[in-house]
Every structure is written in structure tokens, then in C-alpha cells.
PDB file of N, CA and C in Angstrom:
ATOM      1  N   UNK A   1     -35.698 144.210 -10.609  1.00  0.00           N
ATOM      2  CA  UNK A   1     -37.092 144.952 -11.704  1.00  0.00           C
ATOM      3  C   UNK A   1     -35.856 146.295 -12.592  1.00  0.00           C
ATOM      4  N   UNK A   2     -35.899 146.490 -13.911  1.00  0.00           N
ATOM      5  CA  UNK A   2     -34.937 147.235 -14.714  1.00  0.00           C
ATOM      6  C   UNK A   2     -35.531 148.634 -14.456  1.00  0.00           C
ATOM      7  N   UNK A   3     -35.051 149.281 -14.896  1.00  0.00           N
ATOM      8  CA  UNK A   3     -35.530 150.420 -14.980  1.00  0.00           C
ATOM      9  C   UNK A   3     -36.653 150.257 -16.458  1.00  0.00           C
ATOM     10  N   UNK A   4     -37.319 151.631 -16.277  1.00  0.00           N
ATOM     11  CA  UNK A   4     -38.422 151.511 -16.889  1.00  0.00           C
ATOM     12  C   UNK A   4     -38.487 152.436 -18.409  1.00  0.00           C
ATOM     13  N   UNK A   5     -36.982 153.673 -18.441  1.00  0.00           N
ATOM     14  CA  UNK A   5     -36.758 153.753 -19.167  1.00  0.00           C
ATOM     15  C   UNK A   5     -35.384 154.486 -19.243  1.00  0.00           C
ATOM     16  N   UNK A   6     -34.824 154.405 -20.150  1.00  0.00           N
ATOM     17  CA  UNK A   6     -33.711 155.337 -20.808  1.00  0.00           C
ATOM     18  C   UNK A   6     -33.078 156.219 -22.124  1.00  0.00           C
ATOM     19  N   UNK A   7     -32.957 156.860 -22.224  1.00  0.00           N
ATOM     20  CA  UNK A   7     -32.866 158.239 -22.385  1.00  0.00           C
ATOM     21  C   UNK A   7     -31.298 157.770 -23.762  1.00  0.00           C
ATOM     22  N   UNK A   8     -31.885 158.076 -24.804  1.00  0.00           N
ATOM     23  CA  UNK A   8     -31.162 157.681 -25.743  1.00  0.00           C
ATOM     24  C   UNK A   8     -30.797 158.905 -26.759  1.00  0.00           C
ATOM     25  N   UNK A   9     -28.972 158.714 -26.763  1.00  0.00           N
ATOM     26  CA  UNK A   9     -29.275 160.083 -28.631  1.00  0.00           C
ATOM     27  C   UNK A   9     -29.602 160.298 -29.147  1.00  0.00           C
ATOM     28  N   UNK A  10     -30.002 161.298 -30.182  1.00  0.00           N
ATOM     29  CA  UNK A  10     -30.664 160.921 -31.826  1.00  0.00           C
ATOM     30  C   UNK A  10     -30.125 162.490 -32.009  1.00  0.00           C
ATOM     31  N   UNK A  11     -29.592 162.054 -33.263  1.00  0.00           N
ATOM     32  CA  UNK A  11     -29.332 163.176 -34.335  1.00  0.00           C
ATOM     33  C   UNK A  11     -29.901 164.700 -34.540  1.00  0.00           C
ATOM     34  N   UNK A  12     -31.764 164.883 -34.233  1.00  0.00           N
ATOM     35  CA  UNK A  12     -32.982 165.300 -34.138  1.00  0.00           C
ATOM     36  C   UNK A  12     -32.945 166.160 -33.381  1.00  0.00           C
ATOM     37  N   UNK A  13     -32.461 165.673 -32.226  1.00  0.00           N
ATOM     38  CA  UNK A  13     -32.573 166.482 -31.212  1.00  0.00           C
ATOM     39  C   UNK A  13     -32.649 168.148 -30.888  1.00  0.00           C
ATOM     40  N   UNK A  14     -33.741 168.686 -30.816  1.00  0.00           N
ATOM     41  CA  UNK A  14     -33.740 170.040 -30.510  1.00  0.00           C
ATOM     42  C   UNK A  14     -34.300 170.536 -32.101  1.00  0.00           C
ATOM     43  N   UNK A  15     -34.157 169.491 -32.831  1.00  0.00           N
ATOM     44  CA  UNK A  15     -34.728 170.674 -34.021  1.00  0.00           C
ATOM     45  C   UNK A  15     -36.220 170.103 -34.400  1.00  0.00           C
ATOM     46  N   UNK A  16     -36.441 170.844 -35.219  1.00  0.00           N
ATOM     47  CA  UNK A  16     -37.790 170.133 -35.828  1.00  0.00           C
ATOM     48  C   UNK A  16     -37.598 169.333 -36.968  1.00  0.00           C
ATOM     49  N   UNK A  17     -39.231 168.728 -36.642  1.00  0.00           N
ATOM     50  CA  UNK A  17     -39.396 167.165 -37.329  1.00  0.00           C
ATOM     51  C   UNK A  17     -40.605 166.634 -37.950  1.00  0.00           C
ATOM     52  N   UNK A  18     -41.142 166.336 -38.221  1.00  0.00           N
ATOM     53  CA  UNK A  18     -42.820 165.744 -38.500  1.00  0.00           C
ATOM     54  C   UNK A  18     -42.839 164.683 -38.590  1.00  0.00           C
ATOM     55  N   UNK A  19     -43.517 164.174 -37.765  1.00  0.00           N
ATOM     56  CA  UNK A  19     -44.396 162.554 -37.080  1.00  0.00           C
ATOM     57  C   UNK A  19     -44.850 162.148 -38.726  1.00  0.00           C
ATOM     58  N   UNK A  20     -44.266 161.130 -39.116  1.00  0.00           N
ATOM     59  CA  UNK A  20     -45.170 160.693 -40.384  1.00  0.00           C
ATOM     60  C   UNK A  20     -46.196 159.923 -40.525  1.00  0.00           C
ATOM     61  N   UNK A  21     -46.570 159.749 -39.361  1.00  0.00           N
ATOM     62  CA  UNK A  21     -47.651 159.452 -39.080  1.00  0.00           C
ATOM     63  C   UNK A  21     -48.696 159.896 -38.768  1.00  0.00           C
ATOM     64  N   UNK A  22     -48.834 161.189 -38.000  1.00  0.00           N
ATOM     65  CA  UNK A  22     -49.767 162.041 -38.134  1.00  0.00           C
ATOM     66  C   UNK A  22     -49.846 163.293 -38.790  1.00  0.00           C
ATOM     67  N   UNK A  23     -48.159 163.316 -39.126  1.00  0.00           N
ATOM     68  CA  UNK A  23     -47.909 164.918 -40.857  1.00  0.00           C
ATOM     69  C   UNK A  23     -48.355 166.547 -39.425  1.00  0.00           C
ATOM     70  N   UNK A  24     -47.724 165.673 -38.073  1.00  0.00           N
ATOM     71  CA  UNK A  24     -47.689 166.983 -36.982  1.00  0.00           C
ATOM     72  C   UNK A  24     -46.156 167.182 -36.823  1.00  0.00           C
ATOM     73  N   UNK A  25     -46.206 168.048 -36.956  1.00  0.00           N
ATOM     74  CA  UNK A  25     -44.927 168.925 -37.263  1.00  0.00           C
ATOM     75  C   UNK A  25     -44.596 169.785 -35.384  1.00  0.00           C
ATOM     76  N   UNK A  26     -42.992 169.602 -35.450  1.00  0.00           N
ATOM     77  CA  UNK A  26     -42.920 170.036 -33.940  1.00  0.00           C
ATOM     78  C   UNK A  26     -41.380 169.963 -33.706  1.00  0.00           C
ATOM     79  N   UNK A  27     -40.644 169.749 -32.299  1.00  0.00           N
ATOM     80  CA  UNK A  27     -39.713 170.024 -32.389  1.00  0.00           C
ATOM     81  C   UNK A  27     -39.207 168.501 -31.302  1.00  0.00           C
ATOM     82  N   UNK A  28     -38.351 168.164 -31.579  1.00  0.00           N
ATOM     83  CA  UNK A  28     -37.798 166.599 -30.789  1.00  0.00           C
ATOM     84  C   UNK A  28     -36.832 167.123 -29.391  1.00  0.00           C
ATOM     85  N   UNK A  29     -38.364 166.439 -28.612  1.00  0.00           N
ATOM     86  CA  UNK A  29     -37.822 167.005 -27.348  1.00  0.00           C
ATOM     87  C   UNK A  29     -36.142 166.125 -26.918  1.00  0.00           C
ATOM     88  N   UNK A  30     -36.875 164.065 -27.120  1.00  0.00           N
ATOM     89  CA  UNK A  30     -36.090 163.451 -26.206  1.00  0.00           C
ATOM     90  C   UNK A  30     -36.104 161.747 -26.981  1.00  0.00           C
ATOM     91  N   UNK A  31     -35.414 161.474 -26.624  1.00  0.00           N
ATOM     92  CA  UNK A  31     -36.357 159.597 -27.672  1.00  0.00           C
ATOM     93  C   UNK A  31     -35.642 159.198 -26.509  1.00  0.00           C
ATOM     94  N   UNK A  32     -36.827 157.732 -25.943  1.00  0.00           N
ATOM     95  CA  UNK A  32     -36.624 157.210 -25.022  1.00  0.00           C
ATOM     96  C   UNK A  32     -36.724 155.959 -25.084  1.00  0.00           C
ATOM     97  N   UNK A  33     -35.951 154.688 -24.880  1.00  0.00           N
ATOM     98  CA  UNK A  33     -36.280 153.773 -24.900  1.00  0.00           C
ATOM     99  C   UNK A  33     -36.974 152.993 -23.289  1.00  0.00           C
ATOM    100  N   UNK A  34     -37.813 152.548 -23.834  1.00  0.00           N
ATOM    101  CA  UNK A  34     -39.285 152.640 -22.735  1.00  0.00           C
ATOM    102  C   UNK A  34     -39.878 151.566 -23.005  1.00  0.00           C
ATOM    103  N   UNK A  35     -39.668 151.255 -21.183  1.00  0.00           N
ATOM    104  CA  UNK A  35     -41.115 149.561 -21.176  1.00  0.00           C
ATOM    105  C   UNK A  35     -41.868 150.280 -22.008  1.00  0.00           C
ATOM    106  N   UNK A  36     -42.893 149.414 -22.326  1.00  0.00           N
ATOM    107  CA  UNK A  36     -44.340 150.105 -22.710  1.00  0.00           C
ATOM    108  C   UNK A  36     -45.083 149.013 -22.342  1.00  0.00           C
ATOM    109  N   UNK A  37     -44.533 147.621 -21.699  1.00  0.00           N
ATOM    110  CA  UNK A  37     -45.544 146.303 -21.237  1.00  0.00           C
ATOM    111  C   UNK A  37     -46.505 146.962 -19.884  1.00  0.00           C
ATOM    112  N   UNK A  38     -47.413 146.983 -19.828  1.00  0.00           N
ATOM    113  CA  UNK A  38     -48.292 147.122 -18.431  1.00  0.00           C
ATOM    114  C   UNK A  38     -48.152 145.599 -17.643  1.00  0.00           C
ATOM    115  N   UNK A  39     -47.458 144.156 -18.331  1.00  0.00           N
ATOM    116  CA  UNK A  39     -47.430 142.634 -17.921  1.00  0.00           C
ATOM    117  C   UNK A  39     -45.847 143.058 -16.629  1.00  0.00           C
ATOM    118  N   UNK A  40     -46.220 142.180 -15.422  1.00  0.00           N
ATOM    119  CA  UNK A  40     -45.523 141.958 -14.736  1.00  0.00           C
ATOM    120  C   UNK A  40     -44.470 141.408 -15.901  1.00  0.00           C
ATOM    121  N   UNK A  41     -44.394 140.349 -16.051  1.00  0.00           N
ATOM    122  CA  UNK A  41     -43.724 139.427 -15.914  1.00  0.00           C
ATOM    123  C   UNK A  41     -43.162 139.170 -17.726  1.00  0.00           C
ATOM    124  N   UNK A  42     -43.412 140.195 -18.265  1.00  0.00           N
ATOM    125  CA  UNK A  42     -42.753 140.074 -19.821  1.00  0.00           C
ATOM    126  C   UNK A  42     -42.470 141.671 -20.038  1.00  0.00           C
ATOM    127  N   UNK A  43     -41.560 141.697 -20.720  1.00  0.00           N
ATOM    128  CA  UNK A  43     -41.181 143.698 -20.768  1.00  0.00           C
ATOM    129  C   UNK A  43     -41.116 143.352 -22.309  1.00  0.00           C
ATOM    130  N   UNK A  44     -41.517 145.000 -22.648  1.00  0.00           N
ATOM    131  CA  UNK A  44     -41.787 145.412 -24.675  1.00  0.00           C
ATOM    132  C   UNK A  44     -41.182 146.344 -23.979  1.00  0.00           C
ATOM    133  N   UNK A  45     -39.860 146.461 -24.953  1.00  0.00           N
ATOM    134  CA  UNK A  45     -39.185 148.164 -25.488  1.00  0.00           C
ATOM    135  C   UNK A  45     -39.267 149.057 -26.313  1.00  0.00           C
ATOM    136  N   UNK A  46     -39.913 149.611 -25.786  1.00  0.00           N
ATOM    137  CA  UNK A  46     -39.868 151.229 -27.458  1.00  0.00           C
ATOM    138  C   UNK A  46     -39.344 151.415 -27.496  1.00  0.00           C
ATOM    139  N   UNK A  47     -38.430 152.509 -28.811  1.00  0.00           N
ATOM    140  CA  UNK A  47     -38.097 154.212 -28.638  1.00  0.00           C
ATOM    141  C   UNK A  47     -38.693 154.806 -29.204  1.00  0.00           C
ATOM    142  N   UNK A  48     -39.375 155.822 -28.246  1.00  0.00           N
ATOM    143  CA  UNK A  48     -40.664 156.417 -28.047  1.00  0.00           C
ATOM    144  C   UNK A  48     -40.157 157.729 -28.791  1.00  0.00           C
ATOM    145  N   UNK A  49     -40.431 158.875 -29.879  1.00  0.00           N
ATOM    146  CA  UNK A  49     -40.137 159.718 -29.954  1.00  0.00           C
ATOM    147  C   UNK A  49     -41.141 160.970 -28.795  1.00  0.00           C
ATOM    148  N   UNK A  50     -40.628 162.089 -28.313  1.00  0.00           N
ATOM    149  CA  UNK A  50     -41.249 163.120 -27.286  1.00  0.00           C
ATOM    150  C   UNK A  50     -41.028 164.177 -28.282  1.00  0.00           C
ATOM    151  N   UNK A  51     -42.335 164.652 -29.072  1.00  0.00           N
ATOM    152  CA  UNK A  51     -42.160 166.224 -30.199  1.00  0.00           C
ATOM    153  C   UNK A  51     -43.091 166.868 -29.494  1.00  0.00           C
ATOM    154  N   UNK A  52     -43.006 168.090 -29.475  1.00  0.00           N
ATOM    155  CA  UNK A  52     -43.819 169.307 -28.814  1.00  0.00           C
ATOM    156  C   UNK A  52     -44.023 170.153 -30.114  1.00  0.00           C
ATOM    157  N   UNK A  53     -45.393 170.261 -30.091  1.00  0.00           N
ATOM    158  CA  UNK A  53     -45.752 170.960 -31.214  1.00  0.00           C
ATOM    159  C   UNK A  53     -45.890 172.338 -31.263  1.00  0.00           C
ATOM    160  N   UNK A  54     -47.053 172.881 -32.086  1.00  0.00           N
ATOM    161  CA  UNK A  54     -46.881 174.424 -31.806  1.00  0.00           C
ATOM    162  C   UNK A  54     -47.506 175.101 -30.967  1.00  0.00           C
ATOM    163  N   UNK A  55     -47.977 174.187 -30.129  1.00  0.00           N
ATOM    164  CA  UNK A  55     -49.307 174.177 -29.016  1.00  0.00           C
ATOM    165  C   UNK A  55     -48.578 174.489 -27.786  1.00  0.00           C
ATOM    166  N   UNK A  56     -47.249 173.978 -27.957  1.00  0.00           N
ATOM    167  CA  UNK A  56     -46.670 173.484 -26.403  1.00  0.00           C
ATOM    168  C   UNK A  56     -46.663 171.956 -26.011  1.00  0.00           C
ATOM    169  N   UNK A  57     -47.930 170.889 -26.023  1.00  0.00           N
ATOM    170  CA  UNK A  57     -47.950 169.582 -25.897  1.00  0.00           C
ATOM    171  C   UNK A  57     -46.662 169.389 -26.619  1.00  0.00           C
ATOM    172  N   UNK A  58     -46.746 168.017 -25.735  1.00  0.00           N
ATOM    173  CA  UNK A  58     -46.098 166.692 -26.526  1.00  0.00           C
ATOM    174  C   UNK A  58     -46.636 165.838 -26.699  1.00  0.00           C
ATOM    175  N   UNK A  59     -46.153 165.301 -27.686  1.00  0.00           N
ATOM    176  CA  UNK A  59     -46.774 163.702 -28.153  1.00  0.00           C
ATOM    177  C   UNK A  59     -45.508 162.895 -28.584  1.00  0.00           C
ATOM    178  N   UNK A  60     -46.116 161.417 -28.459  1.00  0.00           N
ATOM    179  CA  UNK A  60     -45.195 160.555 -28.093  1.00  0.00           C
ATOM    180  C   UNK A  60     -45.778 159.851 -30.144  1.00  0.00           C
ATOM    181  N   UNK A  61     -44.466 158.863 -30.579  1.00  0.00           N
ATOM    182  CA  UNK A  61     -44.669 158.683 -31.374  1.00  0.00           C
ATOM    183  C   UNK A  61     -43.459 157.138 -31.158  1.00  0.00           C
ATOM    184  N   UNK A  62     -42.893 156.509 -32.925  1.00  0.00           N
ATOM    185  CA  UNK A  62     -42.171 155.229 -32.933  1.00  0.00           C
ATOM    186  C   UNK A  62     -40.926 156.398 -33.755  1.00  0.00           C
ATOM    187  N   UNK A  63     -39.519 156.152 -32.345  1.00  0.00           N
ATOM    188  CA  UNK A  63     -38.331 157.239 -33.077  1.00  0.00           C
ATOM    189  C   UNK A  63     -38.328 156.896 -35.038  1.00  0.00           C
ATOM    190  N   UNK A  64     -38.700 155.436 -35.413  1.00  0.00           N
ATOM    191  CA  UNK A  64     -38.781 155.235 -36.811  1.00  0.00           C
ATOM    192  C   UNK A  64     -40.213 156.335 -37.704  1.00  0.00           C
ATOM    193  N   UNK A  65     -40.826 156.711 -37.128  1.00  0.00           N
ATOM    194  CA  UNK A  65     -41.489 157.458 -37.250  1.00  0.00           C
ATOM    195  C   UNK A  65     -41.463 159.015 -38.245  1.00  0.00           C
ATOM    196  N   UNK A  66     -40.063 159.468 -37.368  1.00  0.00           N
ATOM    197  CA  UNK A  66     -39.520 161.100 -37.061  1.00  0.00           C
ATOM    198  C   UNK A  66     -38.864 161.436 -38.449  1.00  0.00           C
ATOM    199  N   UNK A  67     -38.792 162.511 -39.208  1.00  0.00           N
ATOM    200  CA  UNK A  67     -38.505 162.716 -40.242  1.00  0.00           C
ATOM    201  C   UNK A  67     -38.060 164.068 -40.290  1.00  0.00           C
ATOM    202  N   UNK A  68     -36.457 165.077 -40.257  1.00  0.00           N
ATOM    203  CA  UNK A  68     -36.424 166.179 -40.432  1.00  0.00           C
ATOM    204  C   UNK A  68     -37.376 166.883 -40.616  1.00  0.00           C
ATOM    205  N   UNK A  69     -37.973 168.314 -40.448  1.00  0.00           N
ATOM    206  CA  UNK A  69     -38.882 169.195 -41.460  1.00  0.00           C
ATOM    207  C   UNK A  69     -38.597 169.576 -41.589  1.00  0.00           C
ATOM    208  N   UNK A  70     -38.406 170.072 -42.921  1.00  0.00           N
ATOM    209  CA  UNK A  70     -37.578 171.611 -44.293  1.00  0.00           C
ATOM    210  C   UNK A  70     -38.687 172.141 -44.286  1.00  0.00           C
ATOM    211  N   UNK A  71     -38.268 173.786 -44.458  1.00  0.00           N
ATOM    212  CA  UNK A  71     -39.837 174.737 -44.758  1.00  0.00           C
ATOM    213  C   UNK A  71     -40.416 174.677 -45.826  1.00  0.00           C
ATOM    214  N   UNK A  72     -40.962 175.321 -46.334  1.00  0.00           N
ATOM    215  CA  UNK A  72     -41.937 174.888 -47.071  1.00  0.00           C
ATOM    216  C   UNK A  72     -41.558 174.758 -48.595  1.00  0.00           C
ATOM    217  N   UNK A  73     -41.543 173.455 -49.716  1.00  0.00           N
ATOM    218  CA  UNK A  73     -41.079 173.305 -50.916  1.00  0.00           C
ATOM    219  C   UNK A  73     -40.761 174.363 -51.698  1.00  0.00           C
ATOM    220  N   UNK A  74     -39.982 175.001 -52.695  1.00  0.00           N
ATOM    221  CA  UNK A  74     -39.921 176.275 -53.068  1.00  0.00           C
ATOM    222  C   UNK A  74     -41.333 176.199 -55.362  1.00  0.00           C
ATOM    223  N   UNK A  75     -41.316 176.741 -54.791  1.00  0.00           N
ATOM    224  CA  UNK A  75     -42.721 176.773 -55.672  1.00  0.00           C
ATOM    225  C   UNK A  75     -41.816 176.980 -56.841  1.00  0.00           C
ATOM    226  N   UNK A  76     -42.726 177.000 -58.165  1.00  0.00           N
ATOM    227  CA  UNK A  76     -41.902 176.922 -59.627  1.00  0.00           C
ATOM    228  C   UNK A  76     -41.512 177.968 -59.946  1.00  0.00           C
ATOM    229  N   UNK A  77     -42.005 178.911 -59.318  1.00  0.00           N
ATOM    230  CA  UNK A  77     -42.334 180.271 -59.756  1.00  0.00           C
ATOM    231  C   UNK A  77     -40.358 180.773 -59.338  1.00  0.00           C
ATOM    232  N   UNK A  78     -40.327 180.243 -58.326  1.00  0.00           N
ATOM    233  CA  UNK A  78     -38.896 180.869 -57.532  1.00  0.00           C
ATOM    234  C   UNK A  78     -37.723 180.067 -58.001  1.00  0.00           C
ATOM    235  N   UNK A  79     -38.231 179.181 -58.348  1.00  0.00           N
ATOM    236  CA  UNK A  79     -36.874 177.825 -58.921  1.00  0.00           C
ATOM    237  C   UNK A  79     -36.486 178.379 -59.573  1.00  0.00           C
ATOM    238  N   UNK A  80     -37.760 178.911 -60.420  1.00  0.00           N
ATOM    239  CA  UNK A  80     -37.502 179.192 -62.265  1.00  0.00           C
ATOM    240  C   UNK A  80     -36.651 180.809 -61.709  1.00  0.00           C
ATOM    241  N   UNK A  81     -36.977 181.437 -61.024  1.00  0.00           N
ATOM    242  CA  UNK A  81     -36.777 182.916 -61.245  1.00  0.00           C
ATOM    243  C   UNK A  81     -34.950 182.722 -60.444  1.00  0.00           C
ATOM    244  N   UNK A  82     -34.968 181.198 -59.117  1.00  0.00           N
ATOM    245  CA  UNK A  82     -33.454 181.269 -58.909  1.00  0.00           C
ATOM    246  C   UNK A  82     -32.572 180.787 -60.506  1.00  0.00           C
ATOM    247  N   UNK A  83     -32.907 180.329 -61.095  1.00  0.00           N
ATOM    248  CA  UNK A  83     -31.728 178.925 -62.503  1.00  0.00           C
ATOM    249  C   UNK A  83     -31.279 180.230 -62.921  1.00  0.00           C
ATOM    250  N   UNK A  84     -32.898 181.918 -63.230  1.00  0.00           N
ATOM    251  CA  UNK A  84     -32.031 182.710 -64.637  1.00  0.00           C
ATOM    252  C   UNK A  84     -31.069 183.507 -64.256  1.00  0.00           C
ATOM    253  N   UNK A  85     -30.627 183.587 -62.884  1.00  0.00           N
ATOM    254  CA  UNK A  85     -30.066 184.606 -61.865  1.00  0.00           C
ATOM    255  C   UNK A  85     -28.244 184.145 -62.820  1.00  0.00           C
TER     256      UNK A  85
END
């Protein structure tokens, strides 16, 4: 039987990210290619992102749901002030 998981490098590791499925933000702790099948005769591998949210709890989501989380967008007032300088 093969390994049940393997770590995968990702450009956003240890950075703040957002899960687009739930909207929750946190730090990307790991990306793991995991056998998510519970059948012994069939393997289904999936890349899962492990994200630690502000409370310290980790949750998983599909790695395709992960995007960088940027600071709050600037308000129109701040953009206008910066453009006039």
C-alpha cells in the first residue's frame, strides 16, 4: 500500500490566504496530497490546503480554493488623497 499523504510545495506557504469557498482568512500552513478515499481497493488523491485561522484552529479546503489575502481595499477617499500628492 502506498503512502496516504505527501507534502507539496506551494508559493503561499506561511502567508495570509483566503478560502474562496467559505471566505475565511488565515495562514497557509501546509499543502498535502492526500488519499481521501475510504475504500481499500480504490485511491482518490486530492491536494488539500491546511489553513490556520485567527482562533488558531486549522481547517482544510481544496488547494484550488486558496488565494492570497490582501489588506482591506483602500477607500475612494484615500485613493483620491494619494492621487493628488
